[in-house]
């Protein structure tokens, strides 16, 4: 926004630089368009492909974590008995 404001001020102050300001505005507009279209394409791909990514169920992950924790404490208690 600041760049466009400065360009507008220069354009008003010196009408002879109209071609330079037009080129700069074209560059800004094309860059904004490209950025918007790339963001839109990636967001659509992410939205479409996200459901197809295989996920582990949360309950299954918690069950595995529970087994690991129980095994750790069981092993810890077993070692205490032998000491």
PDB file of N, CA and C in Angstrom:
ATOM      1  N   UNK A   1       0.823  -1.183   0.000  1.00  0.00           N
ATOM      2  CA  UNK A   1       0.000   0.000   0.000  1.00  0.00           C
ATOM      3  C   UNK A   1       0.869   1.250   0.000  1.00  0.00           C
ATOM      4  N   UNK A   2       1.936   1.206   0.773  1.00  0.00           N
ATOM      5  CA  UNK A   2       2.833   2.359   0.828  1.00  0.00           C
ATOM      6  C   UNK A   2       3.491   2.587  -0.526  1.00  0.00           C
ATOM      7  N   UNK A   3       3.862   1.517  -1.195  1.00  0.00           N
ATOM      8  CA  UNK A   3       4.491   1.647  -2.513  1.00  0.00           C
ATOM      9  C   UNK A   3       3.537   2.287  -3.507  1.00  0.00           C
ATOM     10  N   UNK A   4       2.298   1.857  -3.496  1.00  0.00           N
ATOM     11  CA  UNK A   4       1.314   2.428  -4.408  1.00  0.00           C
ATOM     12  C   UNK A   4       1.075   3.901  -4.074  1.00  0.00           C
ATOM     13  N   UNK A   5       1.051   4.252  -2.793  1.00  0.00           N
ATOM     14  CA  UNK A   5       0.867   5.653  -2.386  1.00  0.00           C
ATOM     15  C   UNK A   5       2.017   6.521  -2.868  1.00  0.00           C
ATOM     16  N   UNK A   6       3.228   6.038  -2.703  1.00  0.00           N
ATOM     17  CA  UNK A   6       4.393   6.801  -3.162  1.00  0.00           C
ATOM     18  C   UNK A   6       4.362   6.958  -4.676  1.00  0.00           C
ATOM     19  N   UNK A   7       4.001   5.875  -5.364  1.00  0.00           N
ATOM     20  CA  UNK A   7       3.929   5.952  -6.827  1.00  0.00           C
ATOM     21  C   UNK A   7       2.858   6.938  -7.267  1.00  0.00           C
ATOM     22  N   UNK A   8       1.723   6.968  -6.583  1.00  0.00           N
ATOM     23  CA  UNK A   8       0.663   7.912  -6.933  1.00  0.00           C
ATOM     24  C   UNK A   8       1.122   9.344  -6.688  1.00  0.00           C
ATOM     25  N   UNK A   9       1.841   9.573  -5.604  1.00  0.00           N
ATOM     26  CA  UNK A   9       2.349  10.924  -5.319  1.00  0.00           C
ATOM     27  C   UNK A   9       3.341  11.363  -6.388  1.00  0.00           C
ATOM     28  N   UNK A  10       4.229  10.480  -6.798  1.00  0.00           N
ATOM     29  CA  UNK A  10       5.199  10.812  -7.850  1.00  0.00           C
ATOM     30  C   UNK A  10       4.477  11.053  -9.168  1.00  0.00           C
ATOM     31  N   UNK A  11       3.483  10.245  -9.451  1.00  0.00           N
ATOM     32  CA  UNK A  11       2.729  10.365 -10.685  1.00  0.00           C
ATOM     33  C   UNK A  11       2.012  11.710 -10.761  1.00  0.00           C
ATOM     34  N   UNK A  12       1.440  12.129  -9.630  1.00  0.00           N
ATOM     35  CA  UNK A  12       0.752  13.432  -9.598  1.00  0.00           C
ATOM     36  C   UNK A  12       1.757  14.566  -9.715  1.00  0.00           C
ATOM     37  N   UNK A  13       2.911  14.440  -9.042  1.00  0.00           N
ATOM     38  CA  UNK A  13       3.910  15.508  -9.043  1.00  0.00           C
ATOM     39  C   UNK A  13       4.597  15.649 -10.393  1.00  0.00           C
ATOM     40  N   UNK A  14       4.850  14.560 -11.070  1.00  0.00           N
ATOM     41  CA  UNK A  14       5.566  14.611 -12.335  1.00  0.00           C
ATOM     42  C   UNK A  14       4.852  13.745 -13.372  1.00  0.00           C
ATOM     43  N   UNK A  15       3.996  14.338 -14.179  1.00  0.00           N
ATOM     44  CA  UNK A  15       3.243  13.554 -15.157  1.00  0.00           C
ATOM     45  C   UNK A  15       4.116  12.910 -16.242  1.00  0.00           C
ATOM     46  N   UNK A  16       5.359  13.315 -16.369  1.00  0.00           N
ATOM     47  CA  UNK A  16       6.239  12.754 -17.397  1.00  0.00           C
ATOM     48  C   UNK A  16       6.662  11.319 -17.082  1.00  0.00           C
ATOM     49  N   UNK A  17       6.501  10.887 -15.846  1.00  0.00           N
ATOM     50  CA  UNK A  17       6.916   9.541 -15.478  1.00  0.00           C
ATOM     51  C   UNK A  17       5.747   8.554 -15.546  1.00  0.00           C
ATOM     52  N   UNK A  18       4.743   8.896 -16.316  1.00  0.00           N
ATOM     53  CA  UNK A  18       3.543   8.062 -16.415  1.00  0.00           C
ATOM     54  C   UNK A  18       3.883   6.636 -16.865  1.00  0.00           C
ATOM     55  N   UNK A  19       4.781   6.481 -17.828  1.00  0.00           N
ATOM     56  CA  UNK A  19       5.129   5.142 -18.321  1.00  0.00           C
ATOM     57  C   UNK A  19       5.796   4.302 -17.231  1.00  0.00           C
ATOM     58  N   UNK A  20       6.675   4.912 -16.470  1.00  0.00           N
ATOM     59  CA  UNK A  20       7.359   4.188 -15.400  1.00  0.00           C
ATOM     60  C   UNK A  20       6.373   3.747 -14.326  1.00  0.00           C
ATOM     61  N   UNK A  21       5.456   4.640 -13.978  1.00  0.00           N
ATOM     62  CA  UNK A  21       4.458   4.310 -12.957  1.00  0.00           C
ATOM     63  C   UNK A  21       3.526   3.220 -13.475  1.00  0.00           C
ATOM     64  N   UNK A  22       3.164   3.292 -14.743  1.00  0.00           N
ATOM     65  CA  UNK A  22       2.303   2.247 -15.317  1.00  0.00           C
ATOM     66  C   UNK A  22       2.988   0.889 -15.290  1.00  0.00           C
ATOM     67  N   UNK A  23       4.275   0.855 -15.613  1.00  0.00           N
ATOM     68  CA  UNK A  23       5.018  -0.401 -15.573  1.00  0.00           C
ATOM     69  C   UNK A  23       5.085  -0.945 -14.150  1.00  0.00           C
ATOM     70  N   UNK A  24       5.342  -0.056 -13.194  1.00  0.00           N
ATOM     71  CA  UNK A  24       5.421  -0.495 -11.796  1.00  0.00           C
ATOM     72  C   UNK A  24       4.069  -1.010 -11.311  1.00  0.00           C
ATOM     73  N   UNK A  25       2.992  -0.320 -11.677  1.00  0.00           N
ATOM     74  CA  UNK A  25       1.660  -0.782 -11.295  1.00  0.00           C
ATOM     75  C   UNK A  25       1.353  -2.138 -11.919  1.00  0.00           C
ATOM     76  N   UNK A  26       1.751  -2.339 -13.172  1.00  0.00           N
ATOM     77  CA  UNK A  26       1.547  -3.637 -13.821  1.00  0.00           C
ATOM     78  C   UNK A  26       2.301  -4.749 -13.094  1.00  0.00           C
ATOM     79  N   UNK A  27       3.526  -4.457 -12.687  1.00  0.00           N
ATOM     80  CA  UNK A  27       4.314  -5.448 -11.954  1.00  0.00           C
ATOM     81  C   UNK A  27       3.633  -5.793 -10.635  1.00  0.00           C
ATOM     82  N   UNK A  28       3.155  -4.779  -9.924  1.00  0.00           N
ATOM     83  CA  UNK A  28       2.484  -5.010  -8.641  1.00  0.00           C
ATOM     84  C   UNK A  28       1.203  -5.813  -8.849  1.00  0.00           C
ATOM     85  N   UNK A  29       0.423  -5.462  -9.857  1.00  0.00           N
ATOM     86  CA  UNK A  29      -0.830  -6.166 -10.123  1.00  0.00           C
ATOM     87  C   UNK A  29      -0.568  -7.616 -10.522  1.00  0.00           C
ATOM     88  N   UNK A  30       0.404  -7.857 -11.400  1.00  0.00           N
ATOM     89  CA  UNK A  30       0.715  -9.221 -11.823  1.00  0.00           C
ATOM     90  C   UNK A  30       1.253 -10.060 -10.662  1.00  0.00           C
ATOM     91  N   UNK A  31       2.092  -9.452  -9.850  1.00  0.00           N
ATOM     92  CA  UNK A  31       2.628 -10.162  -8.690  1.00  0.00           C
ATOM     93  C   UNK A  31       1.515 -10.529  -7.717  1.00  0.00           C
ATOM     94  N   UNK A  32       0.613  -9.604  -7.458  1.00  0.00           N
ATOM     95  CA  UNK A  32      -0.519  -9.880  -6.568  1.00  0.00           C
ATOM     96  C   UNK A  32      -1.409 -10.982  -7.142  1.00  0.00           C
ATOM     97  N   UNK A  33      -1.647 -10.928  -8.434  1.00  0.00           N
ATOM     98  CA  UNK A  33      -2.460 -11.963  -9.085  1.00  0.00           C
ATOM     99  C   UNK A  33      -1.803 -13.332  -8.977  1.00  0.00           C
ATOM    100  N   UNK A  34      -0.498 -13.398  -9.230  1.00  0.00           N
ATOM    101  CA  UNK A  34       0.226 -14.668  -9.144  1.00  0.00           C
ATOM    102  C   UNK A  34       0.201 -15.206  -7.713  1.00  0.00           C
ATOM    103  N   UNK A  35       0.438 -14.334  -6.740  1.00  0.00           N
ATOM    104  CA  UNK A  35       0.434 -14.754  -5.342  1.00  0.00           C
ATOM    105  C   UNK A  35      -0.942 -15.276  -4.936  1.00  0.00           C
ATOM    106  N   UNK A  36      -1.986 -14.585  -5.354  1.00  0.00           N
ATOM    107  CA  UNK A  36      -3.346 -15.008  -5.028  1.00  0.00           C
ATOM    108  C   UNK A  36      -3.671 -16.342  -5.690  1.00  0.00           C
ATOM    109  N   UNK A  37      -3.301 -16.500  -6.947  1.00  0.00           N
ATOM    110  CA  UNK A  37      -3.630 -17.748  -7.637  1.00  0.00           C
ATOM    111  C   UNK A  37      -2.837 -18.928  -7.072  1.00  0.00           C
ATOM    112  N   UNK A  38      -1.581 -18.741  -6.730  1.00  0.00           N
ATOM    113  CA  UNK A  38      -0.797 -19.835  -6.143  1.00  0.00           C
ATOM    114  C   UNK A  38      -1.370 -20.214  -4.778  1.00  0.00           C
ATOM    115  N   UNK A  39      -1.736 -19.224  -3.976  1.00  0.00           N
ATOM    116  CA  UNK A  39      -2.343 -19.506  -2.672  1.00  0.00           C
ATOM    117  C   UNK A  39      -3.655 -20.247  -2.837  1.00  0.00           C
ATOM    118  N   UNK A  40      -4.453 -19.848  -3.794  1.00  0.00           N
ATOM    119  CA  UNK A  40      -5.735 -20.506  -4.043  1.00  0.00           C
ATOM    120  C   UNK A  40      -5.532 -21.950  -4.503  1.00  0.00           C
ATOM    121  N   UNK A  41      -4.590 -22.172  -5.400  1.00  0.00           N
ATOM    122  CA  UNK A  41      -4.328 -23.524  -5.903  1.00  0.00           C
ATOM    123  C   UNK A  41      -3.862 -24.440  -4.770  1.00  0.00           C
ATOM    124  N   UNK A  42      -2.905 -23.969  -3.954  1.00  0.00           N
ATOM    125  CA  UNK A  42      -2.417 -24.796  -2.861  1.00  0.00           C
ATOM    126  C   UNK A  42      -3.496 -25.048  -1.815  1.00  0.00           C
ATOM    127  N   UNK A  43      -4.319 -24.059  -1.526  1.00  0.00           N
ATOM    128  CA  UNK A  43      -5.379 -24.273  -0.544  1.00  0.00           C
ATOM    129  C   UNK A  43      -6.417 -25.261  -1.069  1.00  0.00           C
ATOM    130  N   UNK A  44      -6.735 -25.205  -2.350  1.00  0.00           N
ATOM    131  CA  UNK A  44      -7.666 -26.179  -2.924  1.00  0.00           C
ATOM    132  C   UNK A  44      -7.083 -27.592  -2.899  1.00  0.00           C
ATOM    133  N   UNK A  45      -5.814 -27.717  -3.256  1.00  0.00           N
ATOM    134  CA  UNK A  45      -5.172 -29.029  -3.203  1.00  0.00           C
ATOM    135  C   UNK A  45      -5.158 -29.584  -1.783  1.00  0.00           C
ATOM    136  N   UNK A  46      -4.839 -28.730  -0.830  1.00  0.00           N
ATOM    137  CA  UNK A  46      -4.821 -29.153   0.564  1.00  0.00           C
ATOM    138  C   UNK A  46      -6.212 -29.567   1.011  1.00  0.00           C
ATOM    139  N   UNK A  47      -7.232 -28.811   0.622  1.00  0.00           N
ATOM    140  CA  UNK A  47      -8.610 -29.112   1.003  1.00  0.00           C
ATOM    141  C   UNK A  47      -9.091 -30.419   0.362  1.00  0.00           C
ATOM    142  N   UNK A  48      -8.679 -30.657  -0.871  1.00  0.00           N
ATOM    143  CA  UNK A  48      -9.120 -31.862  -1.574  1.00  0.00           C
ATOM    144  C   UNK A  48      -8.352 -33.095  -1.091  1.00  0.00           C
ATOM    145  N   UNK A  49      -7.050 -32.957  -0.882  1.00  0.00           N
ATOM    146  CA  UNK A  49      -6.229 -34.112  -0.539  1.00  0.00           C
ATOM    147  C   UNK A  49      -6.209 -34.445   0.946  1.00  0.00           C
ATOM    148  N   UNK A  50      -6.612 -33.531   1.810  1.00  0.00           N
ATOM    149  CA  UNK A  50      -6.554 -33.771   3.243  1.00  0.00           C
ATOM    150  C   UNK A  50      -7.383 -34.973   3.688  1.00  0.00           C
ATOM    151  N   UNK A  51      -8.602 -35.150   3.205  1.00  0.00           N
ATOM    152  CA  UNK A  51      -9.366 -36.328   3.650  1.00  0.00           C
ATOM    153  C   UNK A  51      -8.778 -37.659   3.189  1.00  0.00           C
ATOM    154  N   UNK A  52      -7.995 -37.655   2.139  1.00  0.00           N
ATOM    155  CA  UNK A  52      -7.449 -38.912   1.625  1.00  0.00           C
ATOM    156  C   UNK A  52      -6.173 -39.348   2.336  1.00  0.00           C
ATOM    157  N   UNK A  53      -5.627 -38.515   3.205  1.00  0.00           N
ATOM    158  CA  UNK A  53      -4.417 -38.878   3.938  1.00  0.00           C
ATOM    159  C   UNK A  53      -4.800 -39.875   5.031  1.00  0.00           C
ATOM    160  N   UNK A  54      -4.176 -41.040   5.048  1.00  0.00           N
ATOM    161  CA  UNK A  54      -4.543 -42.024   6.080  1.00  0.00           C
ATOM    162  C   UNK A  54      -4.077 -41.556   7.454  1.00  0.00           C
ATOM    163  N   UNK A  55      -4.973 -41.679   8.419  1.00  0.00           N
ATOM    164  CA  UNK A  55      -4.650 -41.285   9.786  1.00  0.00           C
ATOM    165  C   UNK A  55      -4.899 -42.456  10.714  1.00  0.00           C
ATOM    166  N   UNK A  56      -4.095 -42.526  11.747  1.00  0.00           N
ATOM    167  CA  UNK A  56      -4.348 -43.522  12.778  1.00  0.00           C
ATOM    168  C   UNK A  56      -5.461 -42.985  13.667  1.00  0.00           C
ATOM    169  N   UNK A  57      -6.299 -43.880  14.121  1.00  0.00           N
ATOM    170  CA  UNK A  57      -7.360 -43.437  15.012  1.00  0.00           C
ATOM    171  C   UNK A  57      -6.759 -43.034  16.352  1.00  0.00           C
ATOM    172  N   UNK A  58      -7.337 -42.051  16.976  1.00  0.00           N
ATOM    173  CA  UNK A  58      -6.809 -41.555  18.235  1.00  0.00           C
ATOM    174  C   UNK A  58      -6.909 -42.604  19.334  1.00  0.00           C
ATOM    175  N   UNK A  59      -8.005 -43.362  19.361  1.00  0.00           N
ATOM    176  CA  UNK A  59      -8.162 -44.367  20.410  1.00  0.00           C
ATOM    177  C   UNK A  59      -7.084 -45.442  20.293  1.00  0.00           C
ATOM    178  N   UNK A  60      -6.730 -45.802  19.078  1.00  0.00           N
ATOM    179  CA  UNK A  60      -5.685 -46.810  18.871  1.00  0.00           C
ATOM    180  C   UNK A  60      -4.336 -46.278  19.370  1.00  0.00           C
ATOM    181  N   UNK A  61      -4.047 -45.015  19.098  1.00  0.00           N
ATOM    182  CA  UNK A  61      -2.790 -44.417  19.551  1.00  0.00           C
ATOM    183  C   UNK A  61      -2.744 -44.373  21.074  1.00  0.00           C
ATOM    184  N   UNK A  62      -3.871 -44.024  21.695  1.00  0.00           N
ATOM    185  CA  UNK A  62      -3.918 -43.973  23.150  1.00  0.00           C
ATOM    186  C   UNK A  62      -3.762 -45.363  23.760  1.00  0.00           C
ATOM    187  N   UNK A  63      -4.320 -46.382  23.112  1.00  0.00           N
ATOM    188  CA  UNK A  63      -4.179 -47.741  23.613  1.00  0.00           C
ATOM    189  C   UNK A  63      -2.720 -48.195  23.561  1.00  0.00           C
ATOM    190  N   UNK A  64      -2.045 -47.854  22.495  1.00  0.00           N
ATOM    191  CA  UNK A  64      -0.622 -48.208  22.374  1.00  0.00           C
ATOM    192  C   UNK A  64       0.192 -47.479  23.429  1.00  0.00           C
ATOM    193  N   UNK A  65      -0.087 -46.199  23.627  1.00  0.00           N
ATOM    194  CA  UNK A  65       0.617 -45.423  24.641  1.00  0.00           C
ATOM    195  C   UNK A  65       0.350 -45.987  26.039  1.00  0.00           C
ATOM    196  N   UNK A  66      -0.880 -46.393  26.294  1.00  0.00           N
ATOM    197  CA  UNK A  66      -1.227 -46.985  27.585  1.00  0.00           C
ATOM    198  C   UNK A  66      -0.451 -48.279  27.814  1.00  0.00           C
ATOM    199  N   UNK A  67      -0.355 -49.109  26.782  1.00  0.00           N
ATOM    200  CA  UNK A  67       0.408 -50.359  26.913  1.00  0.00           C
ATOM    201  C   UNK A  67       1.885 -50.090  27.201  1.00  0.00           C
ATOM    202  N   UNK A  68       2.436 -49.080  26.545  1.00  0.00           N
ATOM    203  CA  UNK A  68       3.855 -48.754  26.761  1.00  0.00           C
ATOM    204  C   UNK A  68       4.072 -48.284  28.195  1.00  0.00           C
ATOM    205  N   UNK A  69       3.170 -47.441  28.689  1.00  0.00           N
ATOM    206  CA  UNK A  69       3.309 -46.933  30.058  1.00  0.00           C
ATOM    207  C   UNK A  69       3.163 -48.067  31.064  1.00  0.00           C
ATOM    208  N   UNK A  70       2.157 -48.942  30.886  1.00  0.00           N
ATOM    209  CA  UNK A  70       1.980 -50.080  31.793  1.00  0.00           C
ATOM    210  C   UNK A  70       3.187 -51.004  31.762  1.00  0.00           C
ATOM    211  N   UNK A  71       3.730 -51.242  30.576  1.00  0.00           N
ATOM    212  CA  UNK A  71       4.909 -52.108  30.463  1.00  0.00           C
ATOM    213  C   UNK A  71       6.098 -51.498  31.192  1.00  0.00           C
ATOM    214  N   UNK A  72       6.237 -50.183  31.109  1.00  0.00           N
ATOM    215  CA  UNK A  72       7.344 -49.509  31.795  1.00  0.00           C
ATOM    216  C   UNK A  72       7.213 -49.687  33.308  1.00  0.00           C
ATOM    217  N   UNK A  73       6.015 -49.405  33.843  1.00  0.00           N
ATOM    218  CA  UNK A  73       5.837 -49.525  35.285  1.00  0.00           C
ATOM    219  C   UNK A  73       5.908 -50.985  35.750  1.00  0.00           C
ATOM    220  N   UNK A  74       5.408 -51.916  34.953  1.00  0.00           N
ATOM    221  CA  UNK A  74       5.499 -53.327  35.297  1.00  0.00           C
ATOM    222  C   UNK A  74       6.966 -53.752  35.369  1.00  0.00           C
ATOM    223  N   UNK A  75       7.746 -53.343  34.382  1.00  0.00           N
ATOM    224  CA  UNK A  75       9.165 -53.692  34.359  1.00  0.00           C
ATOM    225  C   UNK A  75       9.889 -53.038  35.536  1.00  0.00           C
ATOM    226  N   UNK A  76       9.509 -51.820  35.867  1.00  0.00           N
ATOM    227  CA  UNK A  76      10.135 -51.110  36.981  1.00  0.00           C
ATOM    228  C   UNK A  76       9.844 -51.838  38.303  1.00  0.00           C
ATOM    229  N   UNK A  77       8.599 -52.281  38.508  1.00  0.00           N
ATOM    230  CA  UNK A  77       8.241 -53.016  39.713  1.00  0.00           C
ATOM    231  C   UNK A  77       8.933 -54.373  39.761  1.00  0.00           C
ATOM    232  N   UNK A  78       9.052 -55.031  38.617  1.00  0.00           N
ATOM    233  CA  UNK A  78       9.704 -56.323  38.557  1.00  0.00           C
ATOM    234  C   UNK A  78      11.179 -56.206  38.944  1.00  0.00           C
ATOM    235  N   UNK A  79      11.804 -55.157  38.517  1.00  0.00           N
ATOM    236  CA  UNK A  79      13.219 -54.970  38.871  1.00  0.00           C
ATOM    237  C   UNK A  79      13.394 -54.692  40.346  1.00  0.00           C
ATOM    238  N   UNK A  80      12.412 -53.994  40.958  1.00  0.00           N
ATOM    239  CA  UNK A  80      12.495 -53.731  42.402  1.00  0.00           C
ATOM    240  C   UNK A  80      12.433 -55.035  43.194  1.00  0.00           C
ATOM    241  N   UNK A  81      11.612 -55.975  42.721  1.00  0.00           N
ATOM    242  CA  UNK A  81      11.480 -57.246  43.440  1.00  0.00           C
ATOM    243  C   UNK A  81      12.789 -58.033  43.429  1.00  0.00           C
ATOM    244  N   UNK A  82      13.569 -57.935  42.367  1.00  0.00           N
ATOM    245  CA  UNK A  82      14.811 -58.698  42.262  1.00  0.00           C
ATOM    246  C   UNK A  82      15.996 -58.030  42.929  1.00  0.00           C
ATOM    247  N   UNK A  83      15.838 -56.799  43.314  1.00  0.00           N
ATOM    248  CA  UNK A  83      16.964 -56.101  43.962  1.00  0.00           C
ATOM    249  C   UNK A  83      17.070 -56.414  45.420  1.00  0.00           C
TER     250      UNK A  83
END
